[in-house]
Amino acid sequence: MGCNHDHSHGGGCAGHHHHHDHADDVLLTSPRIAIIGLGLMGASFAAALKTGNAVGEISGFDTDAESLRFCKERGHIDHAANSATEAVKDADIVVLAVPVSALAEVAKAIAPALKEDVVVTDLSSVKQEAVLAILPQLPGHAVLVPAHPIAGAATHGAKAARADLFDGKLVVLTPQKNVTPARAVAAVARLWESVGSRAERMSAENHDIIYGYVSHLPQMMAYAACHVLADESLPPEGADENFRRFIRIGGSDAKLWTEIVLANQEPVRHALAHVLATLEHMSQEFKSGEVHGAVSEDSPYVATRYFPLLAAGAMISVVNQFEMQNKLHLAPYSGTGLKDFTAPIASDPSEDLQNISLSYAHVARCLKRFIDTLHDLELTLADPSAPAKQKLRETLANYQQQHTNLMARLTDKAA
């Protein structure tokens, strides 16, 4: 699976550490690994590393005894530790595969047991917050190389683990420029290449801004869309694959996503404000349609075709504006979420575009609800109080439930 990358990063590293002879540098040949947190990501990484054959012994720990037992039984890990501290004591590389909110606590717990020259890495989808959580807890002799694999699945938990989860995927590493030793970065990049991923480096700040746009924004928009569509009538024949793709990530775990957007709230609020301005502009255009005294008819296709087309259009427009402003192409960084949410635009929408004007008042109502919903999310995110966080959690859980209901209605139609 791409294990032939062993030596690709060798060159530049030797100069930093004259006392490390590359050929027998265990960190770059067969490092011992500890993985803390054996959910979908941690367990899949363990399984993939086992398959990739580029590491020494893997020890694992999870607070859930069942996940730990399962991973040991399946051979994803060699040693099931009784504590996070025990798991890390001989490790050359420690992988923190826990939710962002648990990173500080776990880093603090393992700190006294970390050996000299250890490399610590993570799998979090938000990087500045992860660094802030982990770094202050680590001893001076530990090196942090943050990582975000751009992979995921609709299922979660150790039992959903797949050794091929990261194959052909991008992983973004965010070491500190001119601070993080090249050897440590090479060691983490090598792990990812051994499981079939392509490693790319950028700053933690740029990472969070980019993923605010390509991942966190479409997620909030998909939740909001499920909320808007909850009360809309659907066509008798149901909806096509593009519509299902458009709402698909609205079914994502709301608890997990509440954490992610709270951890990246500044970039997410910025992206939300950007898309709201675009939607307001669209909405104004529909209002001007009323002046011409044209007759507008409500249509069930507003829910499944016209509204999704406009929401996807707003998303694409914002991405294009971002790319132009920052002279940066975003496609390489986006996962399936953005691709699915914008699916209605990718199909040939010309016929729908003509029909939208026949139902302009109905479309305008949906757009207004969408704008109000996103604006509420933006306000809730801006409020640092505990009740606001709780409100966000409940709101997103409610939208996730509306996705479930929407899918059930479509299934009934199909039947």
Protein backbone atom coordinates (compact mmCIF):
# COMPACT_ATOMS: atom_id res chain seq x y z
CA MET A 1 0.00 0.00 0.00
CA GLY A 2 2.60 2.66 -0.70
CA CYS A 3 5.18 1.36 1.82
CA ASN A 4 7.84 2.25 -0.72
CA HIS A 5 7.87 5.83 0.57
CA ASP A 6 10.17 4.94 3.45
CA HIS A 7 13.08 7.02 2.28
CA SER A 8 11.30 9.83 0.47
CA HIS A 9 11.76 12.39 3.24
CA GLY A 10 15.26 11.34 4.26
CA GLY A 11 17.38 13.97 2.63
CA GLY A 12 16.57 17.11 4.54
CA CYS A 13 16.38 15.54 7.98
CA ALA A 14 19.89 14.38 8.64
CA GLY A 15 21.36 17.85 9.00
CA HIS A 16 19.24 18.66 12.03
CA HIS A 17 20.36 15.72 14.12
CA HIS A 18 23.96 14.77 13.46
CA HIS A 19 23.80 12.11 16.15
CA HIS A 20 21.00 10.21 14.39
CA ASP A 21 22.20 7.88 11.72
CA HIS A 22 19.25 7.61 9.35
CA ALA A 23 19.56 3.91 8.56
CA ASP A 24 19.03 2.83 12.14
CA ASP A 25 16.82 5.71 13.23
CA VAL A 26 13.96 3.72 14.77
CA LEU A 27 11.62 6.70 14.44
CA LEU A 28 11.92 6.45 10.65
CA THR A 29 12.08 2.65 10.32
CA SER A 30 9.89 0.85 12.85
CA PRO A 31 8.65 3.21 15.55
CA ARG A 32 6.61 1.83 18.44
CA ILE A 33 3.17 3.40 18.35
CA ALA A 34 0.60 4.21 21.04
CA ILE A 35 -2.95 5.10 19.99
CA ILE A 36 -5.16 6.73 22.61
CA GLY A 37 -8.82 6.57 21.60
CA LEU A 38 -10.09 3.65 19.55
CA GLY A 39 -13.16 5.05 17.85
CA LEU A 40 -13.60 4.87 14.08
CA MET A 41 -10.50 7.00 13.37
CA GLY A 42 -8.14 5.57 15.99
CA ALA A 43 -9.09 1.95 15.34
CA SER A 44 -8.93 2.41 11.55
CA PHE A 45 -5.49 4.01 11.84
CA ALA A 46 -4.31 1.09 13.99
CA ALA A 47 -5.71 -1.44 11.50
CA ALA A 48 -4.16 0.44 8.57
CA LEU A 49 -0.74 0.71 10.24
CA LYS A 50 -0.82 -3.05 10.91
CA THR A 51 -1.57 -3.69 7.23
CA GLY A 52 1.01 -1.14 6.05
CA ASN A 53 3.74 -2.91 7.98
CA ALA A 54 5.90 0.16 8.59
CA VAL A 55 5.75 0.26 12.38
CA GLY A 56 6.85 -1.71 15.42
CA GLU A 57 4.48 -2.74 18.19
CA ILE A 58 1.18 -0.86 18.55
CA SER A 59 -0.28 -0.39 21.99
CA GLY A 60 -3.75 1.06 22.41
CA PHE A 61 -6.04 2.42 25.07
CA ASP A 62 -9.68 3.47 25.19
CA THR A 63 -11.89 4.30 28.18
CA ASP A 64 -14.46 1.98 26.59
CA ALA A 65 -13.33 -1.54 27.53
CA GLU A 66 -15.39 -3.11 24.75
CA SER A 67 -13.62 -1.08 22.00
CA LEU A 68 -10.25 -1.97 23.51
CA ARG A 69 -11.07 -5.68 23.67
CA PHE A 70 -12.42 -5.63 20.10
CA CYS A 71 -9.26 -4.00 18.68
CA LYS A 72 -7.01 -6.47 20.50
CA GLU A 73 -9.12 -9.40 19.31
CA ARG A 74 -9.06 -8.20 15.70
CA GLY A 75 -5.29 -7.69 15.87
CA HIS A 76 -5.52 -3.95 15.19
CA ILE A 77 -3.31 -3.46 18.27
CA ASP A 78 -0.64 -5.71 19.81
CA HIS A 79 -1.14 -4.58 23.37
CA ALA A 80 -4.33 -3.46 25.13
CA ALA A 81 -3.14 -1.11 27.87
CA ASN A 82 -4.94 -0.56 31.18
CA SER A 83 -4.44 3.20 31.01
CA ALA A 84 -3.34 5.93 28.63
CA THR A 85 -0.18 6.31 30.73
CA GLU A 86 0.69 2.63 30.36
CA ALA A 87 0.01 2.73 26.62
CA VAL A 88 2.53 5.52 25.95
CA LYS A 89 5.44 4.51 28.15
CA ASP A 90 7.55 2.84 25.42
CA ALA A 91 6.10 4.67 22.43
CA ASP A 92 8.20 6.55 19.86
CA ILE A 93 5.06 8.09 18.36
CA VAL A 94 1.87 8.77 20.32
CA VAL A 95 -1.38 9.29 18.39
CA LEU A 96 -4.19 11.14 20.20
CA ALA A 97 -7.41 10.00 18.55
CA VAL A 98 -9.86 11.51 21.03
CA PRO A 99 -12.41 14.33 20.55
CA VAL A 100 -11.00 17.89 20.64
CA SER A 101 -12.65 18.51 24.02
CA ALA A 102 -10.69 15.62 25.57
CA LEU A 103 -7.26 16.46 24.12
CA ALA A 104 -5.98 18.63 26.99
CA GLU A 105 -7.02 16.13 29.65
CA VAL A 106 -5.42 13.17 27.83
CA ALA A 107 -2.22 15.10 27.03
CA LYS A 108 -1.93 16.06 30.70
CA ALA A 109 -2.46 12.46 31.84
CA ILE A 110 0.21 10.97 29.57
CA ALA A 111 2.81 13.76 29.93
CA PRO A 112 4.76 12.24 32.87
CA ALA A 113 5.04 8.86 31.09
CA LEU A 114 6.32 10.13 27.72
CA LYS A 115 9.84 9.04 26.89
CA GLU A 116 12.70 11.27 25.64
CA ASP A 117 12.40 12.38 22.00
CA VAL A 118 8.79 11.20 21.65
CA VAL A 119 6.66 12.53 18.80
CA VAL A 120 3.02 13.32 19.62
CA THR A 121 0.39 13.69 16.89
CA ASP A 122 -3.40 13.84 16.67
CA LEU A 123 -6.27 13.29 14.22
CA SER A 124 -8.42 16.34 15.01
CA SER A 125 -10.24 18.23 12.28
CA VAL A 126 -9.51 21.59 13.94
CA LYS A 127 -5.86 22.47 14.34
CA GLN A 128 -5.30 25.73 16.24
CA GLU A 129 -7.54 24.60 19.10
CA ALA A 130 -5.86 21.16 19.12
CA VAL A 131 -2.40 22.74 19.44
CA LEU A 132 -3.66 25.02 22.24
CA ALA A 133 -5.06 21.99 24.05
CA ILE A 134 -2.06 19.66 23.66
CA LEU A 135 1.12 21.75 23.60
CA PRO A 136 0.98 23.38 27.08
CA GLN A 137 0.56 19.92 28.66
CA LEU A 138 3.56 18.26 26.99
CA PRO A 139 7.03 18.02 28.56
CA GLY A 140 9.80 20.01 26.83
CA HIS A 141 11.37 16.90 25.31
CA ALA A 142 8.22 15.95 23.37
CA VAL A 143 7.57 17.20 19.83
CA LEU A 144 4.06 17.88 18.50
CA VAL A 145 3.21 17.28 14.82
CA PRO A 146 -0.54 17.93 14.42
CA ALA A 147 -2.36 15.99 11.68
CA HIS A 148 -5.83 16.02 10.12
CA PRO A 149 -6.70 13.07 7.87
CA ILE A 150 -9.39 14.09 5.38
CA ALA A 151 -11.38 10.91 5.73
CA GLY A 152 -14.40 9.76 7.62
CA ALA A 153 -17.44 7.56 7.37
CA ALA A 154 -21.08 7.79 8.28
CA THR A 155 -20.62 5.06 10.89
CA HIS A 156 -18.62 5.40 14.07
CA GLY A 157 -16.99 3.31 16.78
CA ALA A 158 -14.20 0.71 16.77
CA LYS A 159 -16.42 -1.93 15.14
CA ALA A 160 -16.74 0.28 12.04
CA ALA A 161 -12.94 0.42 11.65
CA ARG A 162 -11.57 -0.06 8.13
CA ALA A 163 -7.91 -0.58 7.27
CA ASP A 164 -8.47 1.19 3.93
CA LEU A 165 -10.16 4.29 5.40
CA PHE A 166 -7.16 6.52 4.63
CA ASP A 167 -6.09 4.93 1.36
CA GLY A 168 -5.84 7.53 -1.40
CA LYS A 169 -6.82 10.32 1.02
CA LEU A 170 -5.13 13.60 1.89
CA VAL A 171 -3.72 14.23 5.35
CA VAL A 172 -2.82 17.79 6.36
CA LEU A 173 0.12 18.21 8.76
CA THR A 174 0.47 21.52 10.57
CA PRO A 175 3.95 21.61 12.18
CA GLN A 176 5.32 24.99 13.28
CA LYS A 177 7.48 26.41 10.52
CA ASN A 178 11.18 26.51 11.50
CA VAL A 179 10.36 25.15 14.96
CA THR A 180 9.23 21.52 14.60
CA PRO A 181 12.24 19.23 13.88
CA ALA A 182 12.15 17.95 10.28
CA ARG A 183 12.82 14.42 11.51
CA ALA A 184 9.61 14.41 13.57
CA VAL A 185 7.55 15.73 10.64
CA ALA A 186 9.10 13.10 8.35
CA ALA A 187 8.26 10.35 10.86
CA VAL A 188 4.57 11.34 10.98
CA ALA A 189 4.39 11.83 7.19
CA ARG A 190 5.90 8.37 6.78
CA LEU A 191 3.16 6.78 8.94
CA TRP A 192 0.48 8.34 6.78
CA GLU A 193 2.19 7.34 3.55
CA SER A 194 2.39 3.76 4.82
CA VAL A 195 -1.44 3.71 5.02
CA GLY A 196 -1.82 5.11 1.50
CA SER A 197 -2.36 8.80 2.33
CA ARG A 198 -0.75 11.83 0.72
CA ALA A 199 0.74 14.23 3.29
CA GLU A 200 0.65 17.97 2.80
CA ARG A 201 1.88 20.71 5.15
CA MET A 202 0.36 24.09 5.98
CA SER A 203 0.02 26.37 9.02
CA ALA A 204 -2.60 25.52 11.64
CA GLU A 205 -4.21 28.91 11.04
CA ASN A 206 -4.56 28.41 7.28
CA HIS A 207 -5.86 24.89 7.88
CA ASP A 208 -8.66 26.18 10.10
CA ILE A 209 -9.65 28.92 7.67
CA ILE A 210 -9.70 26.51 4.70
CA TYR A 211 -11.65 23.78 6.52
CA GLY A 212 -14.04 26.41 7.89
CA TYR A 213 -15.03 26.92 4.24
CA VAL A 214 -14.78 23.47 2.65
CA SER A 215 -16.01 21.35 5.56
CA HIS A 216 -17.58 23.20 8.48
CA LEU A 217 -19.64 25.66 6.40
CA PRO A 218 -21.30 23.03 4.14
CA GLN A 219 -22.04 21.02 7.31
CA MET A 220 -23.89 23.96 8.91
CA MET A 221 -25.68 24.63 5.61
CA ALA A 222 -26.79 21.00 5.28
CA TYR A 223 -28.19 21.02 8.83
CA ALA A 224 -30.00 24.32 8.14
CA ALA A 225 -31.37 22.94 4.85
CA CYS A 226 -32.84 19.91 6.66
CA HIS A 227 -34.55 22.34 9.04
CA VAL A 228 -35.97 24.43 6.17
CA LEU A 229 -37.23 21.32 4.36
CA ALA A 230 -38.82 19.74 7.44
CA ASP A 231 -42.19 21.39 6.75
CA GLU A 232 -42.05 21.44 2.95
CA SER A 233 -44.16 19.10 0.86
CA LEU A 234 -42.29 16.66 -1.38
CA PRO A 235 -43.22 15.53 -4.91
CA PRO A 236 -45.23 12.29 -5.15
CA GLU A 237 -42.29 10.51 -6.80
CA GLY A 238 -39.91 11.50 -4.01
CA ALA A 239 -36.51 12.89 -4.99
CA ASP A 240 -33.46 11.97 -7.02
CA GLU A 241 -29.94 11.00 -5.98
CA ASN A 242 -28.74 14.62 -6.18
CA PHE A 243 -31.24 15.65 -3.52
CA ARG A 244 -30.16 12.80 -1.24
CA ARG A 245 -26.55 13.87 -1.70
CA PHE A 246 -27.49 17.50 -1.00
CA ILE A 247 -28.93 16.63 2.44
CA ARG A 248 -26.67 13.62 3.20
CA ILE A 249 -24.33 15.28 5.72
CA GLY A 250 -27.37 16.69 7.55
CA GLY A 251 -27.43 13.19 9.06
CA SER A 252 -23.94 13.57 10.56
CA ASP A 253 -23.41 13.22 14.31
CA ALA A 254 -24.56 16.55 15.79
CA LYS A 255 -22.64 16.06 19.04
CA LEU A 256 -19.36 15.70 17.19
CA TRP A 257 -20.11 18.66 14.92
CA THR A 258 -21.10 20.96 17.78
CA GLU A 259 -17.62 20.36 19.16
CA ILE A 260 -15.89 20.95 15.84
CA VAL A 261 -17.59 24.28 15.10
CA LEU A 262 -17.16 25.52 18.68
CA ALA A 263 -13.45 24.68 18.40
CA ASN A 264 -13.22 26.57 15.09
CA GLN A 265 -15.84 29.22 15.73
CA GLU A 266 -13.98 32.28 14.43
CA PRO A 267 -13.37 30.91 10.88
CA VAL A 268 -16.83 29.29 10.80
CA ARG A 269 -18.56 32.57 11.73
CA HIS A 270 -16.56 34.32 9.04
CA ALA A 271 -17.61 31.74 6.42
CA LEU A 272 -21.25 31.92 7.59
CA ALA A 273 -21.25 35.72 7.27
CA HIS A 274 -19.84 35.36 3.76
CA VAL A 275 -22.53 32.90 2.62
CA LEU A 276 -25.27 34.94 4.30
CA ALA A 277 -24.28 37.99 2.25
CA THR A 278 -24.50 35.87 -0.92
CA LEU A 279 -27.92 34.47 0.06
CA GLU A 280 -29.26 37.94 0.95
CA HIS A 281 -28.25 39.07 -2.52
CA MET A 282 -30.12 36.12 -4.10
CA SER A 283 -33.13 36.78 -1.92
CA GLN A 284 -33.29 40.42 -3.09
CA GLU A 285 -33.42 39.23 -6.69
CA PHE A 286 -36.47 37.09 -5.93
CA LYS A 287 -38.21 40.00 -4.23
CA SER A 288 -37.73 42.10 -7.35
CA GLY A 289 -39.60 39.36 -9.27
CA GLU A 290 -42.79 40.21 -7.38
CA VAL A 291 -42.87 43.73 -8.83
CA HIS A 292 -43.62 42.47 -12.33
CA GLY A 293 -46.97 41.15 -11.16
CA ALA A 294 -46.12 37.64 -12.37
CA VAL A 295 -48.14 34.83 -10.84
CA SER A 296 -46.17 32.50 -8.57
CA GLU A 297 -47.34 28.97 -7.87
CA ASP A 298 -46.20 26.84 -4.98
CA SER A 299 -44.52 23.64 -6.15
CA PRO A 300 -43.25 20.49 -4.40
CA TYR A 301 -40.15 20.81 -6.61
CA VAL A 302 -39.10 23.89 -4.64
CA ALA A 303 -38.07 21.53 -1.82
CA THR A 304 -36.30 18.87 -3.88
CA ARG A 305 -34.89 20.83 -6.80
CA TYR A 306 -35.11 24.64 -6.78
CA PHE A 307 -34.11 25.40 -3.21
CA PRO A 308 -31.21 22.86 -3.25
CA LEU A 309 -29.98 24.41 -6.49
CA LEU A 310 -29.83 27.89 -4.95
CA ALA A 311 -28.29 26.72 -1.67
CA ALA A 312 -25.62 24.75 -3.57
CA GLY A 313 -25.10 27.78 -5.83
CA ALA A 314 -24.48 30.04 -2.85
CA MET A 315 -21.93 27.55 -1.48
CA ILE A 316 -20.06 27.37 -4.80
CA SER A 317 -20.13 31.14 -5.19
CA VAL A 318 -18.57 31.62 -1.74
CA VAL A 319 -15.86 29.03 -2.47
CA ASN A 320 -15.07 30.78 -5.78
CA GLN A 321 -14.84 34.17 -4.07
CA PHE A 322 -12.55 32.70 -1.40
CA GLU A 323 -10.31 31.15 -4.07
CA MET A 324 -10.01 34.43 -5.95
CA GLN A 325 -9.29 36.46 -2.81
CA ASN A 326 -6.69 34.02 -1.53
CA LYS A 327 -5.30 32.81 -4.88
CA LEU A 328 -5.77 29.27 -3.66
CA HIS A 329 -7.55 26.30 -5.20
CA LEU A 330 -9.82 24.61 -2.63
CA ALA A 331 -10.82 21.43 -4.49
CA PRO A 332 -7.80 19.38 -3.28
CA TYR A 333 -8.83 20.02 0.33
CA SER A 334 -12.53 19.29 0.19
CA GLY A 335 -13.95 15.99 1.31
CA THR A 336 -17.14 14.32 0.09
CA GLY A 337 -19.33 16.64 2.20
CA LEU A 338 -18.84 19.68 -0.01
CA LYS A 339 -19.06 17.60 -3.20
CA ASP A 340 -22.35 16.07 -2.10
CA PHE A 341 -23.89 19.32 -0.85
CA THR A 342 -23.17 20.97 -4.22
CA ALA A 343 -24.36 17.97 -6.29
CA PRO A 344 -27.58 19.76 -7.45
CA ILE A 345 -25.42 22.25 -9.37
CA ALA A 346 -23.17 19.61 -10.89
CA SER A 347 -26.08 17.98 -12.75
CA ASP A 348 -27.57 19.97 -15.63
CA PRO A 349 -29.84 22.47 -13.89
CA SER A 350 -30.88 24.60 -16.89
CA GLU A 351 -34.50 23.38 -16.97
CA ASP A 352 -34.88 23.91 -13.22
CA LEU A 353 -33.45 27.41 -13.48
CA GLN A 354 -36.24 28.36 -15.90
CA ASN A 355 -38.92 26.87 -13.65
CA ILE A 356 -37.68 28.59 -10.49
CA SER A 357 -39.18 31.90 -11.64
CA LEU A 358 -42.65 30.28 -11.87
CA SER A 359 -42.55 29.62 -8.11
CA TYR A 360 -40.53 32.67 -7.07
CA ALA A 361 -42.64 33.46 -3.95
CA HIS A 362 -42.33 29.89 -2.65
CA VAL A 363 -38.59 29.87 -3.36
CA ALA A 364 -38.21 33.26 -1.63
CA ARG A 365 -39.94 31.87 1.50
CA CYS A 366 -37.52 28.95 1.64
CA LEU A 367 -34.53 31.24 1.12
CA LYS A 368 -35.75 33.51 3.92
CA ARG A 369 -36.06 30.55 6.33
CA PHE A 370 -32.61 29.35 5.28
CA ILE A 371 -31.10 32.81 5.90
CA ASP A 372 -32.84 33.12 9.29
CA THR A 373 -31.67 29.64 10.32
CA LEU A 374 -28.04 30.28 9.34
CA HIS A 375 -28.13 33.72 10.96
CA ASP A 376 -29.32 32.14 14.23
CA LEU A 377 -26.48 29.62 14.06
CA GLU A 378 -24.01 32.46 13.51
CA LEU A 379 -25.36 34.37 16.57
CA THR A 380 -25.31 31.28 18.77
CA LEU A 381 -21.72 30.54 17.75
CA ALA A 382 -20.71 34.12 18.60
CA ASP A 383 -21.99 33.79 22.16
CA PRO A 384 -19.32 32.25 24.43
CA SER A 385 -21.71 31.46 27.30
CA ALA A 386 -22.48 27.93 28.46
CA PRO A 387 -26.25 28.24 27.69
CA ALA A 388 -25.37 29.22 24.10
CA LYS A 389 -23.21 26.11 23.71
CA GLN A 390 -26.03 23.99 25.07
CA LYS A 391 -28.46 25.67 22.68
CA LEU A 392 -26.18 24.95 19.73
CA ARG A 393 -25.93 21.30 20.77
CA GLU A 394 -29.73 20.97 20.98
CA THR A 395 -30.35 22.90 17.76
CA LEU A 396 -27.97 20.77 15.69
CA ALA A 397 -29.35 17.56 17.25
CA ASN A 398 -32.82 18.73 16.26
CA TYR A 399 -31.66 19.39 12.65
CA GLN A 400 -30.02 15.97 12.51
CA GLN A 401 -33.35 14.46 13.60
CA GLN A 402 -35.09 16.42 10.83
CA HIS A 403 -32.71 14.77 8.35
CA THR A 404 -33.80 11.36 9.66
CA ASN A 405 -37.46 12.35 9.26
CA LEU A 406 -36.84 13.66 5.74
CA MET A 407 -35.15 10.41 4.70
CA ALA A 408 -38.07 8.44 6.17
CA ARG A 409 -40.55 10.50 4.12
CA LEU A 410 -38.53 9.85 0.95
CA THR A 411 -38.42 6.13 1.69
CA ASP A 412 -42.21 6.10 2.12
CA LYS A 413 -42.61 7.80 -1.25
CA ALA A 414 -40.34 5.25 -2.89
CA ALA A 415 -42.37 2.42 -1.39
